[in-house]
C-alpha atoms as a PDB file:
ATOM      1  CA  MET A   1      96.989 106.212  82.597  1.00  0.00           C
ATOM      2  CA  THR A   2      97.519 105.548  86.379  1.00  0.00           C
ATOM      3  CA  GLN A   3      96.162 102.537  88.019  1.00  0.00           C
ATOM      4  CA  PRO A   4      94.376 102.219  91.650  1.00  0.00           C
ATOM      5  CA  VAL A   5      97.100 101.664  94.278  1.00  0.00           C
ATOM      6  CA  THR A   6      97.028 100.007  97.681  1.00  0.00           C
ATOM      7  CA  MET A   7     100.046 100.178  99.835  1.00  0.00           C
ATOM      8  CA  TYR A   8      99.951  97.417 102.707  1.00  0.00           C
ATOM      9  CA  THR A   9     102.003  98.655 105.808  1.00  0.00           C
ATOM     10  CA  THR A  10     102.659  98.860 109.343  1.00  0.00           C
ATOM     11  CA  VAL A  11     103.170 101.800 111.591  1.00  0.00           C
ATOM     12  CA  TRP A  12     106.740 100.307 112.733  1.00  0.00           C
ATOM     13  CA  CYS A  13     108.004 100.103 109.094  1.00  0.00           C
ATOM     14  CA  GLY A  14     110.606 102.559 108.129  1.00  0.00           C
ATOM     15  CA  TYR A  15     110.773 101.218 104.623  1.00  0.00           C
ATOM     16  CA  CYS A  16     107.205 101.648 104.352  1.00  0.00           C
ATOM     17  CA  ARG A  17     107.387 105.331 105.468  1.00  0.00           C
ATOM     18  CA  ARG A  18     110.119 106.043 102.931  1.00  0.00           C
ATOM     19  CA  LEU A  19     108.274 104.475  99.900  1.00  0.00           C
ATOM     20  CA  GLU A  20     104.929 106.315 100.915  1.00  0.00           C
ATOM     21  CA  ARG A  21     106.904 109.624 100.951  1.00  0.00           C
ATOM     22  CA  GLN A  22     108.293 108.997  97.608  1.00  0.00           C
ATOM     23  CA  MET A  23     104.863 108.006  96.235  1.00  0.00           C
ATOM     24  CA  SER A  24     103.141 110.923  97.683  1.00  0.00           C
ATOM     25  CA  GLU A  25     106.035 113.371  96.416  1.00  0.00           C
ATOM     26  CA  ALA A  26     105.572 111.727  92.881  1.00  0.00           C
ATOM     27  CA  GLY A  27     101.718 112.270  92.850  1.00  0.00           C
ATOM     28  CA  ILE A  28     100.960 108.572  93.085  1.00  0.00           C
ATOM     29  CA  ALA A  29      97.508 108.302  95.006  1.00  0.00           C
ATOM     30  CA  PHE A  30      97.060 105.197  96.860  1.00  0.00           C
ATOM     31  CA  ARG A  31      95.195 103.771  99.654  1.00  0.00           C
ATOM     32  CA  LYS A  32      96.839 102.429 102.719  1.00  0.00           C
ATOM     33  CA  VAL A  33      96.429  99.528 104.814  1.00  0.00           C
ATOM     34  CA  ASP A  34      97.919  98.744 107.917  1.00  0.00           C
ATOM     35  CA  ILE A  35      98.122  94.679 108.121  1.00  0.00           C
ATOM     36  CA  ASP A  36      98.745  94.909 111.968  1.00  0.00           C
ATOM     37  CA  ALA A  37      95.254  96.481 112.318  1.00  0.00           C
ATOM     38  CA  HIS A  38      93.594  94.666 109.535  1.00  0.00           C
ATOM     39  CA  ARG A  39      95.135  91.098 109.929  1.00  0.00           C
ATOM     40  CA  ALA A  40      93.207  89.625 106.882  1.00  0.00           C
ATOM     41  CA  PHE A  41      95.242  91.612 104.500  1.00  0.00           C
ATOM     42  CA  GLY A  42      98.295  90.230 105.996  1.00  0.00           C
ATOM     43  CA  ASP A  43      97.091  86.985 105.660  1.00  0.00           C
ATOM     44  CA  ARG A  44      96.724  87.624 101.825  1.00  0.00           C
ATOM     45  CA  ILE A  45     100.298  88.781 101.693  1.00  0.00           C
ATOM     46  CA  GLU A  46     101.517  85.679 103.664  1.00  0.00           C
ATOM     47  CA  ALA A  47      99.746  83.431 101.098  1.00  0.00           C
ATOM     48  CA  ALA A  48     101.634  85.203  98.328  1.00  0.00           C
ATOM     49  CA  THR A  49     105.064  85.145  99.685  1.00  0.00           C
ATOM     50  CA  GLY A  50     105.293  81.641 100.998  1.00  0.00           C
ATOM     51  CA  GLY A  51     104.403  82.757 104.648  1.00  0.00           C
ATOM     52  CA  HIS A  52     105.875  86.113 105.239  1.00  0.00           C
ATOM     53  CA  ARG A  53     104.184  89.354 106.366  1.00  0.00           C
ATOM     54  CA  THR A  54     106.503  91.366 104.016  1.00  0.00           C
ATOM     55  CA  VAL A  55     105.784  95.185 104.128  1.00  0.00           C
ATOM     56  CA  PRO A  56     105.818  97.299 102.129  1.00  0.00           C
ATOM     57  CA  THR A  57     103.648  95.354  99.794  1.00  0.00           C
ATOM     58  CA  ILE A  58     101.756  97.461  96.824  1.00  0.00           C
ATOM     59  CA  GLU A  59      98.755  96.136  94.945  1.00  0.00           C
ATOM     60  CA  ILE A  60      97.852  97.260  91.437  1.00  0.00           C
ATOM     61  CA  GLU A  61      95.086  95.497  89.561  1.00  0.00           C
ATOM     62  CA  GLY A  62      95.287  92.640  91.910  1.00  0.00           C
ATOM     63  CA  GLU A  63      98.681  91.898  91.454  1.00  0.00           C
ATOM     64  CA  LEU A  64     101.207  92.344  94.411  1.00  0.00           C
ATOM     65  CA  LEU A  65     104.687  93.706  94.442  1.00  0.00           C
ATOM     66  CA  VAL A  66     106.296  92.530  97.600  1.00  0.00           C
ATOM     67  CA  ASN A  67     109.066  94.983  99.027  1.00  0.00           C
ATOM     68  CA  PRO A  68     109.407  97.081  95.701  1.00  0.00           C
ATOM     69  CA  SER A  69     111.686 100.032  94.987  1.00  0.00           C
ATOM     70  CA  PHE A  70     109.804 103.312  94.034  1.00  0.00           C
ATOM     71  CA  SER A  71     111.131 102.814  90.394  1.00  0.00           C
ATOM     72  CA  GLN A  72     109.243  99.563  90.502  1.00  0.00           C
ATOM     73  CA  VAL A  73     105.997 100.975  91.738  1.00  0.00           C
ATOM     74  CA  ALA A  74     106.237 104.034  89.463  1.00  0.00           C
ATOM     75  CA  ALA A  75     106.863 101.670  86.365  1.00  0.00           C
ATOM     76  CA  ALA A  76     103.819  99.486  87.372  1.00  0.00           C
ATOM     77  CA  VAL A  77     101.579 102.620  87.829  1.00  0.00           C
ATOM     78  CA  ASP A  78     102.494 104.063  84.580  1.00  0.00           C
ATOM     79  CA  GLY A  79     102.657 100.857  82.750  1.00  0.00           C
ATOM     80  CA  GLY A  80      99.501  99.456  83.934  1.00  0.00           C
ATOM     81  CA  SER A  81     100.967  96.112  85.207  1.00  0.00           C
ATOM     82  CA  ALA A  82     102.405  95.296  88.342  1.00  0.00           C
ATOM     83  CA  GLY A  83     104.276  92.438  86.728  1.00  0.00           C
ATOM     84  CA  ASN A  84     106.806  95.209  84.901  1.00  0.00           C
END
């Protein structure tokens, strides 16, 4: 069973666009949040990464995957754990 997914991104991030395309092509449903437009979400990412506003960051069941590969996202969604 797939897990709810949130993608934290920015409009200027090429890596984000690539991962977004890969996730869409694979049929992974996700909510997209621009951390430049919604600063509080960026603050949460900074807290989790030691002060960096790294995108893309993917959230699955409250766990963050910072700058993940598509295969890491797919495994976390399919496996139900972002820690995999």
